[in-house]
Amino acid sequence: MAVIQIEHLSKSFGRNQVLKDVNFQVEKGEVVCLIGSSGSGKSTLLRCINLLEIPSGGQIIFKGENILDEKHNIQEYRTHLGMVFQQFNLFNNHDVLKNCTVGQIKVLKRSKEEAEQTALKYLEIVGMAQYVNAKPRQLSGGQKQRVAIARALSMNPEVMLFDEPTSALDPEMVGEVLKVMRQLADAGNTMLIVTHEMEFAKEVADRVVFMDKGVIVEEGAPSKVLVNPEHERTKEFLKRTLK
């Protein structure tokens, strides 16, 4: 069962067409990794799915309905998606616990007690429960990103979106974030991940989607796309990346 289905999606910024007739879907419980060079359209695709960018054309079908229809409530749709950004996007003036409760209270109308219980559950899962009173400035990049993941999970989303979640981290901190993401994949979370971590994609993804110049060039199991790609563009990209 497809949770999200993308049909003929396009996105232009002025004359620059960044996405061209993109078609793909994410099944419930599936981990999909989007790979490709900078500027290939991966992050724009993710931002269109979350409606942080409004597509220029096409459809985004969520649970059978096109959420680009005017009758759809964008804010309500977004509550079904958890988004983890490159730069963490934490509230610097709030402590870790409040970072993970403020959205629940405001958007999901949960009580403070319920929000805190939920937040603590997920902070425990990502190994950050002992830092509830810390402010973001007191945390390393890897710790901030783990808090950002706990915050997204606290909203109980149906799909987790990750936009290069390790690209702003020092190399020694990448592993701790990928470890948490592996745990989430093992627990059956539906995940769509823009990443340049090829080993991670090989191990964790059910499906890898290679994008280049705004189109999907190739997609399939990691063993096919990353190990035995069909297309010349995929081979060239992997040759550069897997050095």
C-alpha atoms as a PDB file:
ATOM      1  CA  MET A   1       0.000   0.000   0.000  1.00  0.00           C
ATOM      2  CA  ALA A   2       1.551   3.305  -1.124  1.00  0.00           C
ATOM      3  CA  VAL A   3       1.507   5.941   1.621  1.00  0.00           C
ATOM      4  CA  ILE A   4       2.784   8.634  -0.750  1.00  0.00           C
ATOM      5  CA  GLN A   5       2.520   8.517  -4.514  1.00  0.00           C
ATOM      6  CA  ILE A   6       4.160  11.123  -6.724  1.00  0.00           C
ATOM      7  CA  GLU A   7       2.734  11.522 -10.224  1.00  0.00           C
ATOM      8  CA  HIS A   8       4.240  13.693 -12.989  1.00  0.00           C
ATOM      9  CA  LEU A   9       5.708  16.089 -10.439  1.00  0.00           C
ATOM     10  CA  SER A  10       7.540  19.139 -11.745  1.00  0.00           C
ATOM     11  CA  LYS A  11       9.078  22.157 -10.059  1.00  0.00           C
ATOM     12  CA  SER A  12      10.602  25.261 -11.610  1.00  0.00           C
ATOM     13  CA  PHE A  13      12.306  28.234 -10.014  1.00  0.00           C
ATOM     14  CA  GLY A  14      11.872  30.897 -12.679  1.00  0.00           C
ATOM     15  CA  ARG A  15      13.241  29.399 -15.889  1.00  0.00           C
ATOM     16  CA  ASN A  16      15.189  26.723 -14.073  1.00  0.00           C
ATOM     17  CA  GLN A  17      13.269  23.435 -14.094  1.00  0.00           C
ATOM     18  CA  VAL A  18      14.573  21.469 -11.110  1.00  0.00           C
ATOM     19  CA  LEU A  19      12.132  18.524 -11.237  1.00  0.00           C
ATOM     20  CA  LYS A  20      10.879  17.069 -14.517  1.00  0.00           C
ATOM     21  CA  ASP A  21       7.978  14.608 -14.600  1.00  0.00           C
ATOM     22  CA  VAL A  22       8.962  12.675 -11.469  1.00  0.00           C
ATOM     23  CA  ASN A  23       6.959   9.517 -10.705  1.00  0.00           C
ATOM     24  CA  PHE A  24       7.520   7.248  -7.724  1.00  0.00           C
ATOM     25  CA  GLN A  25       5.934   6.023  -4.520  1.00  0.00           C
ATOM     26  CA  VAL A  26       6.768   5.079  -0.952  1.00  0.00           C
ATOM     27  CA  GLU A  27       5.111   2.011   0.531  1.00  0.00           C
ATOM     28  CA  LYS A  28       4.144   1.677   4.187  1.00  0.00           C
ATOM     29  CA  GLY A  29       7.126   0.441   6.210  1.00  0.00           C
ATOM     30  CA  GLU A  30       9.553   0.990   3.335  1.00  0.00           C
ATOM     31  CA  VAL A  31      12.928   2.738   3.599  1.00  0.00           C
ATOM     32  CA  VAL A  32      13.731   4.614   0.375  1.00  0.00           C
ATOM     33  CA  CYS A  33      17.075   6.392  -0.130  1.00  0.00           C
ATOM     34  CA  LEU A  34      17.337   9.186  -2.721  1.00  0.00           C
ATOM     35  CA  ILE A  35      20.860   9.562  -4.082  1.00  0.00           C
ATOM     36  CA  GLY A  36      22.452  11.787  -6.724  1.00  0.00           C
ATOM     37  CA  SER A  37      24.841  14.699  -7.207  1.00  0.00           C
ATOM     38  CA  SER A  38      24.258  18.151  -5.735  1.00  0.00           C
ATOM     39  CA  GLY A  39      21.645  19.922  -7.820  1.00  0.00           C
ATOM     40  CA  SER A  40      20.012  16.698  -9.034  1.00  0.00           C
ATOM     41  CA  GLY A  41      16.677  17.642  -7.419  1.00  0.00           C
ATOM     42  CA  LYS A  42      16.675  15.288  -4.402  1.00  0.00           C
ATOM     43  CA  SER A  43      16.185  17.900  -1.682  1.00  0.00           C
ATOM     44  CA  THR A  44      13.704  19.840  -3.814  1.00  0.00           C
ATOM     45  CA  LEU A  45      11.663  16.654  -4.224  1.00  0.00           C
ATOM     46  CA  LEU A  46      11.632  16.148  -0.457  1.00  0.00           C
ATOM     47  CA  ARG A  47      10.650  19.784   0.122  1.00  0.00           C
ATOM     48  CA  CYS A  48       7.826  19.426  -2.424  1.00  0.00           C
ATOM     49  CA  ILE A  49       6.520  16.320  -0.648  1.00  0.00           C
ATOM     50  CA  ASN A  50       6.424  18.340   2.580  1.00  0.00           C
ATOM     51  CA  LEU A  51       5.007  21.350   0.694  1.00  0.00           C
ATOM     52  CA  LEU A  52       7.838  23.559   1.894  1.00  0.00           C
ATOM     53  CA  GLU A  53       8.031  24.156  -1.866  1.00  0.00           C
ATOM     54  CA  ILE A  54       4.819  24.127  -3.879  1.00  0.00           C
ATOM     55  CA  PRO A  55       5.196  21.964  -7.008  1.00  0.00           C
ATOM     56  CA  SER A  56       4.698  23.598 -10.403  1.00  0.00           C
ATOM     57  CA  GLY A  57       2.721  20.618 -11.687  1.00  0.00           C
ATOM     58  CA  GLY A  58       1.698  17.042 -11.018  1.00  0.00           C
ATOM     59  CA  GLN A  59       0.131  15.303  -8.053  1.00  0.00           C
ATOM     60  CA  ILE A  60       1.130  14.185  -4.567  1.00  0.00           C
ATOM     61  CA  ILE A  61      -1.260  11.429  -3.524  1.00  0.00           C
ATOM     62  CA  PHE A  62      -1.337  10.818   0.243  1.00  0.00           C
ATOM     63  CA  LYS A  63      -3.512   7.892   1.310  1.00  0.00           C
ATOM     64  CA  GLY A  64      -5.462   8.063  -1.919  1.00  0.00           C
ATOM     65  CA  GLU A  65      -6.044  11.834  -2.113  1.00  0.00           C
ATOM     66  CA  ASN A  66      -4.210  14.518  -4.080  1.00  0.00           C
ATOM     67  CA  ILE A  67      -3.031  16.906  -1.394  1.00  0.00           C
ATOM     68  CA  LEU A  68      -2.364  19.617  -3.992  1.00  0.00           C
ATOM     69  CA  ASP A  69      -6.138  20.051  -4.425  1.00  0.00           C
ATOM     70  CA  GLU A  70      -7.175  23.400  -2.993  1.00  0.00           C
ATOM     71  CA  LYS A  71      -9.593  21.791  -0.558  1.00  0.00           C
ATOM     72  CA  HIS A  72      -6.738  20.146   1.365  1.00  0.00           C
ATOM     73  CA  ASN A  73      -5.432  21.590   4.601  1.00  0.00           C
ATOM     74  CA  ILE A  74      -1.650  21.810   4.211  1.00  0.00           C
ATOM     75  CA  GLN A  75      -1.023  22.150   7.944  1.00  0.00           C
ATOM     76  CA  GLU A  76      -3.086  19.043   8.692  1.00  0.00           C
ATOM     77  CA  TYR A  77      -1.271  17.063   5.977  1.00  0.00           C
ATOM     78  CA  ARG A  78       2.110  18.118   7.392  1.00  0.00           C
ATOM     79  CA  THR A  79       1.242  16.604  10.779  1.00  0.00           C
ATOM     80  CA  HIS A  80       1.532  13.180   9.108  1.00  0.00           C
ATOM     81  CA  LEU A  81       5.144  13.860   8.064  1.00  0.00           C
ATOM     82  CA  GLY A  82       8.225  14.112  10.266  1.00  0.00           C
ATOM     83  CA  MET A  83      10.999  16.239   8.767  1.00  0.00           C
ATOM     84  CA  VAL A  84      14.660  16.126   9.782  1.00  0.00           C
ATOM     85  CA  PHE A  85      16.804  18.867   8.219  1.00  0.00           C
ATOM     86  CA  GLN A  86      20.538  19.187   7.531  1.00  0.00           C
ATOM     87  CA  GLN A  87      20.888  22.032  10.009  1.00  0.00           C
ATOM     88  CA  PHE A  88      18.771  20.553  12.847  1.00  0.00           C
ATOM     89  CA  ASN A  89      16.409  23.598  13.033  1.00  0.00           C
ATOM     90  CA  LEU A  90      16.098  23.381  16.820  1.00  0.00           C
ATOM     91  CA  PHE A  91      14.783  26.309  18.868  1.00  0.00           C
ATOM     92  CA  ASN A  92      17.937  27.665  20.501  1.00  0.00           C
ATOM     93  CA  ASN A  93      16.063  29.383  23.329  1.00  0.00           C
ATOM     94  CA  HIS A  94      14.274  26.155  24.406  1.00  0.00           C
ATOM     95  CA  ASP A  95      15.781  23.197  26.206  1.00  0.00           C
ATOM     96  CA  VAL A  96      15.787  19.736  24.659  1.00  0.00           C
ATOM     97  CA  LEU A  97      12.503  18.660  26.262  1.00  0.00           C
ATOM     98  CA  LYS A  98      10.643  21.794  25.191  1.00  0.00           C
ATOM     99  CA  ASN A  99      12.002  21.442  21.656  1.00  0.00           C
ATOM    100  CA  CYS A 100      10.270  18.056  21.554  1.00  0.00           C
ATOM    101  CA  THR A 101       6.972  19.137  23.158  1.00  0.00           C
ATOM    102  CA  VAL A 102       6.151  22.534  21.654  1.00  0.00           C
ATOM    103  CA  GLY A 103       4.907  21.099  18.315  1.00  0.00           C
ATOM    104  CA  GLN A 104       2.863  18.401  20.026  1.00  0.00           C
ATOM    105  CA  ILE A 105       1.109  20.946  22.251  1.00  0.00           C
ATOM    106  CA  LYS A 106       0.539  23.573  19.540  1.00  0.00           C
ATOM    107  CA  VAL A 107      -0.266  21.388  16.548  1.00  0.00           C
ATOM    108  CA  LEU A 108      -1.574  18.116  17.977  1.00  0.00           C
ATOM    109  CA  LYS A 109      -3.245  19.840  20.988  1.00  0.00           C
ATOM    110  CA  ARG A 110      -1.736  17.365  23.435  1.00  0.00           C
ATOM    111  CA  SER A 111      -1.579  18.192  27.122  1.00  0.00           C
ATOM    112  CA  LYS A 112       1.822  19.189  28.532  1.00  0.00           C
ATOM    113  CA  GLU A 113       1.985  15.903  30.468  1.00  0.00           C
ATOM    114  CA  GLU A 114       1.210  13.730  27.455  1.00  0.00           C
ATOM    115  CA  ALA A 115       3.629  15.708  25.266  1.00  0.00           C
ATOM    116  CA  GLU A 116       6.427  15.314  27.813  1.00  0.00           C
ATOM    117  CA  GLN A 117       5.791  11.571  28.190  1.00  0.00           C
ATOM    118  CA  THR A 118       5.897  11.131  24.414  1.00  0.00           C
ATOM    119  CA  ALA A 119       9.037  13.273  24.091  1.00  0.00           C
ATOM    120  CA  LEU A 120      10.839  11.343  26.825  1.00  0.00           C
ATOM    121  CA  LYS A 121       9.978   8.054  25.151  1.00  0.00           C
ATOM    122  CA  TYR A 122      11.636   9.135  21.905  1.00  0.00           C
ATOM    123  CA  LEU A 123      14.549  10.931  23.564  1.00  0.00           C
ATOM    124  CA  GLU A 124      15.242   7.605  25.292  1.00  0.00           C
ATOM    125  CA  ILE A 125      15.168   5.795  21.930  1.00  0.00           C
ATOM    126  CA  VAL A 126      17.720   8.200  20.394  1.00  0.00           C
ATOM    127  CA  GLY A 127      19.915   8.144  23.508  1.00  0.00           C
ATOM    128  CA  MET A 128      19.294  11.763  24.561  1.00  0.00           C
ATOM    129  CA  ALA A 129      17.025  11.379  27.620  1.00  0.00           C
ATOM    130  CA  GLN A 130      19.740  12.565  30.026  1.00  0.00           C
ATOM    131  CA  TYR A 131      19.983  15.900  28.172  1.00  0.00           C
ATOM    132  CA  VAL A 132      16.374  17.068  28.643  1.00  0.00           C
ATOM    133  CA  ASN A 133      17.440  20.298  30.364  1.00  0.00           C
ATOM    134  CA  ALA A 134      20.263  21.168  27.978  1.00  0.00           C
ATOM    135  CA  LYS A 135      20.003  23.989  25.458  1.00  0.00           C
ATOM    136  CA  PRO A 136      21.038  23.259  21.853  1.00  0.00           C
ATOM    137  CA  ARG A 137      24.214  25.365  22.204  1.00  0.00           C
ATOM    138  CA  GLN A 138      25.446  22.878  24.839  1.00  0.00           C
ATOM    139  CA  LEU A 139      25.149  19.918  22.451  1.00  0.00           C
ATOM    140  CA  SER A 140      27.376  18.523  19.713  1.00  0.00           C
ATOM    141  CA  GLY A 141      26.089  18.371  16.144  1.00  0.00           C
ATOM    142  CA  GLY A 142      25.344  14.655  16.447  1.00  0.00           C
ATOM    143  CA  GLN A 143      23.408  15.218  19.662  1.00  0.00           C
ATOM    144  CA  LYS A 144      21.410  18.058  18.090  1.00  0.00           C
ATOM    145  CA  GLN A 145      20.474  15.863  15.168  1.00  0.00           C
ATOM    146  CA  ARG A 146      19.368  13.059  17.486  1.00  0.00           C
ATOM    147  CA  VAL A 147      17.159  15.568  19.341  1.00  0.00           C
ATOM    148  CA  ALA A 148      15.757  16.704  15.970  1.00  0.00           C
ATOM    149  CA  ILE A 149      14.913  13.074  15.149  1.00  0.00           C
ATOM    150  CA  ALA A 150      13.220  12.611  18.550  1.00  0.00           C
ATOM    151  CA  ARG A 151      11.255  15.817  17.962  1.00  0.00           C
ATOM    152  CA  ALA A 152      10.016  14.559  14.582  1.00  0.00           C
ATOM    153  CA  LEU A 153       9.109  11.140  16.030  1.00  0.00           C
ATOM    154  CA  SER A 154       7.210  12.780  18.908  1.00  0.00           C
ATOM    155  CA  MET A 155       4.611  13.950  16.381  1.00  0.00           C
ATOM    156  CA  ASN A 156       3.916  10.271  15.541  1.00  0.00           C
ATOM    157  CA  PRO A 157       4.286  10.844  11.795  1.00  0.00           C
ATOM    158  CA  GLU A 158       3.328   8.251   9.209  1.00  0.00           C
ATOM    159  CA  VAL A 159       6.383   9.076   7.095  1.00  0.00           C
ATOM    160  CA  MET A 160       9.792  10.326   8.225  1.00  0.00           C
ATOM    161  CA  LEU A 161      11.611  12.588   5.744  1.00  0.00           C
ATOM    162  CA  PHE A 162      15.369  13.087   6.150  1.00  0.00           C
ATOM    163  CA  ASP A 163      17.180  15.742   4.106  1.00  0.00           C
ATOM    164  CA  GLU A 164      20.897  14.808   4.207  1.00  0.00           C
ATOM    165  CA  PRO A 165      20.754  14.443   7.999  1.00  0.00           C
ATOM    166  CA  THR A 166      24.505  13.845   8.361  1.00  0.00           C
ATOM    167  CA  SER A 167      25.913  16.391   5.902  1.00  0.00           C
ATOM    168  CA  ALA A 168      26.449  19.134   8.509  1.00  0.00           C
ATOM    169  CA  LEU A 169      28.131  16.791  11.000  1.00  0.00           C
ATOM    170  CA  ASP A 170      31.778  16.175  11.774  1.00  0.00           C
ATOM    171  CA  PRO A 171      32.797  12.733  10.469  1.00  0.00           C
ATOM    172  CA  GLU A 172      33.052  11.189  13.941  1.00  0.00           C
ATOM    173  CA  MET A 173      29.440  12.194  14.704  1.00  0.00           C
ATOM    174  CA  VAL A 174      27.923  10.723  11.544  1.00  0.00           C
ATOM    175  CA  GLY A 175      27.917   7.196  12.969  1.00  0.00           C
ATOM    176  CA  GLU A 176      25.788   8.037  16.006  1.00  0.00           C
ATOM    177  CA  VAL A 177      23.036   9.536  13.830  1.00  0.00           C
ATOM    178  CA  LEU A 178      23.122   6.692  11.292  1.00  0.00           C
ATOM    179  CA  LYS A 179      22.874   4.206  14.162  1.00  0.00           C
ATOM    180  CA  VAL A 180      19.622   5.830  15.328  1.00  0.00           C
ATOM    181  CA  MET A 181      18.278   5.810  11.755  1.00  0.00           C
ATOM    182  CA  ARG A 182      19.135   2.100  11.444  1.00  0.00           C
ATOM    183  CA  GLN A 183      17.132   1.436  14.610  1.00  0.00           C
ATOM    184  CA  LEU A 184      14.156   3.346  13.188  1.00  0.00           C
ATOM    185  CA  ALA A 185      14.353   1.345   9.950  1.00  0.00           C
ATOM    186  CA  ASP A 186      14.530  -1.921  11.899  1.00  0.00           C
ATOM    187  CA  ALA A 187      11.457  -0.856  13.883  1.00  0.00           C
ATOM    188  CA  GLY A 188       9.432  -0.626  10.641  1.00  0.00           C
ATOM    189  CA  ASN A 189       9.201   3.152  10.233  1.00  0.00           C
ATOM    190  CA  THR A 190       8.370   4.470   6.763  1.00  0.00           C
ATOM    191  CA  MET A 191      11.376   6.585   5.781  1.00  0.00           C
ATOM    192  CA  LEU A 192      12.390   8.669   2.773  1.00  0.00           C
ATOM    193  CA  ILE A 193      16.035   9.693   3.074  1.00  0.00           C
ATOM    194  CA  VAL A 194      18.130  12.023   0.919  1.00  0.00           C
ATOM    195  CA  THR A 195      21.658  10.853   1.615  1.00  0.00           C
ATOM    196  CA  HIS A 196      25.212  10.676   0.319  1.00  0.00           C
ATOM    197  CA  GLU A 197      26.047   7.846   2.736  1.00  0.00           C
ATOM    198  CA  MET A 198      26.243   5.001   0.215  1.00  0.00           C
ATOM    199  CA  GLU A 199      27.173   2.269   2.685  1.00  0.00           C
ATOM    200  CA  PHE A 200      24.195   3.217   4.825  1.00  0.00           C
ATOM    201  CA  ALA A 201      21.894   3.131   1.769  1.00  0.00           C
ATOM    202  CA  LYS A 202      23.282  -0.274   0.802  1.00  0.00           C
ATOM    203  CA  GLU A 203      22.621  -1.707   4.272  1.00  0.00           C
ATOM    204  CA  VAL A 204      19.345  -0.080   5.239  1.00  0.00           C
ATOM    205  CA  ALA A 205      17.328   0.869   2.148  1.00  0.00           C
ATOM    206  CA  ASP A 206      14.637  -1.349   0.686  1.00  0.00           C
ATOM    207  CA  ARG A 207      14.905   0.743  -2.459  1.00  0.00           C
ATOM    208  CA  VAL A 208      17.411   3.240  -3.830  1.00  0.00           C
ATOM    209  CA  VAL A 209      16.337   6.010  -6.228  1.00  0.00           C
ATOM    210  CA  PHE A 210      19.081   7.672  -8.287  1.00  0.00           C
ATOM    211  CA  MET A 211      18.262  11.171  -9.526  1.00  0.00           C
ATOM    212  CA  ASP A 212      20.143  13.272 -12.040  1.00  0.00           C
ATOM    213  CA  LYS A 213      19.198  16.652 -13.542  1.00  0.00           C
ATOM    214  CA  GLY A 214      15.682  16.567 -12.134  1.00  0.00           C
ATOM    215  CA  VAL A 215      14.655  13.103 -13.286  1.00  0.00           C
ATOM    216  CA  ILE A 216      14.713   9.623 -11.794  1.00  0.00           C
ATOM    217  CA  VAL A 217      17.306   7.742 -13.815  1.00  0.00           C
ATOM    218  CA  GLU A 218      17.177   4.408 -12.036  1.00  0.00           C
ATOM    219  CA  GLU A 219      15.553   2.810  -9.019  1.00  0.00           C
ATOM    220  CA  GLY A 220      15.495  -0.596  -7.407  1.00  0.00           C
ATOM    221  CA  ALA A 221      17.008  -2.710  -4.658  1.00  0.00           C
ATOM    222  CA  PRO A 222      20.379  -1.486  -3.334  1.00  0.00           C
ATOM    223  CA  SER A 223      22.008  -4.667  -4.644  1.00  0.00           C
ATOM    224  CA  LYS A 224      20.895  -3.667  -8.138  1.00  0.00           C
ATOM    225  CA  VAL A 225      21.310   0.135  -8.206  1.00  0.00           C
ATOM    226  CA  LEU A 226      24.465   0.429  -6.090  1.00  0.00           C
ATOM    227  CA  VAL A 227      26.228  -2.780  -7.061  1.00  0.00           C
ATOM    228  CA  ASN A 228      25.070  -3.512 -10.579  1.00  0.00           C
ATOM    229  CA  PRO A 229      23.568  -0.333 -12.094  1.00  0.00           C
ATOM    230  CA  GLU A 230      22.171  -0.385 -15.620  1.00  0.00           C
ATOM    231  CA  HIS A 231      22.552   3.241 -16.618  1.00  0.00           C
ATOM    232  CA  GLU A 232      25.749   5.003 -17.598  1.00  0.00           C
ATOM    233  CA  ARG A 233      24.837   8.074 -15.495  1.00  0.00           C
ATOM    234  CA  THR A 234      24.407   5.907 -12.391  1.00  0.00           C
ATOM    235  CA  LYS A 235      27.737   4.177 -13.043  1.00  0.00           C
ATOM    236  CA  GLU A 236      29.525   7.524 -13.417  1.00  0.00           C
ATOM    237  CA  PHE A 237      27.988   8.892 -10.228  1.00  0.00           C
ATOM    238  CA  LEU A 238      28.935   5.810  -8.224  1.00  0.00           C
ATOM    239  CA  LYS A 239      32.453   5.811  -9.646  1.00  0.00           C
ATOM    240  CA  ARG A 240      32.909   9.363  -8.326  1.00  0.00           C
ATOM    241  CA  THR A 241      31.192   8.679  -5.007  1.00  0.00           C
ATOM    242  CA  LEU A 242      32.544   5.279  -4.048  1.00  0.00           C
ATOM    243  CA  LYS A 243      36.226   6.143  -4.470  1.00  0.00           C
END
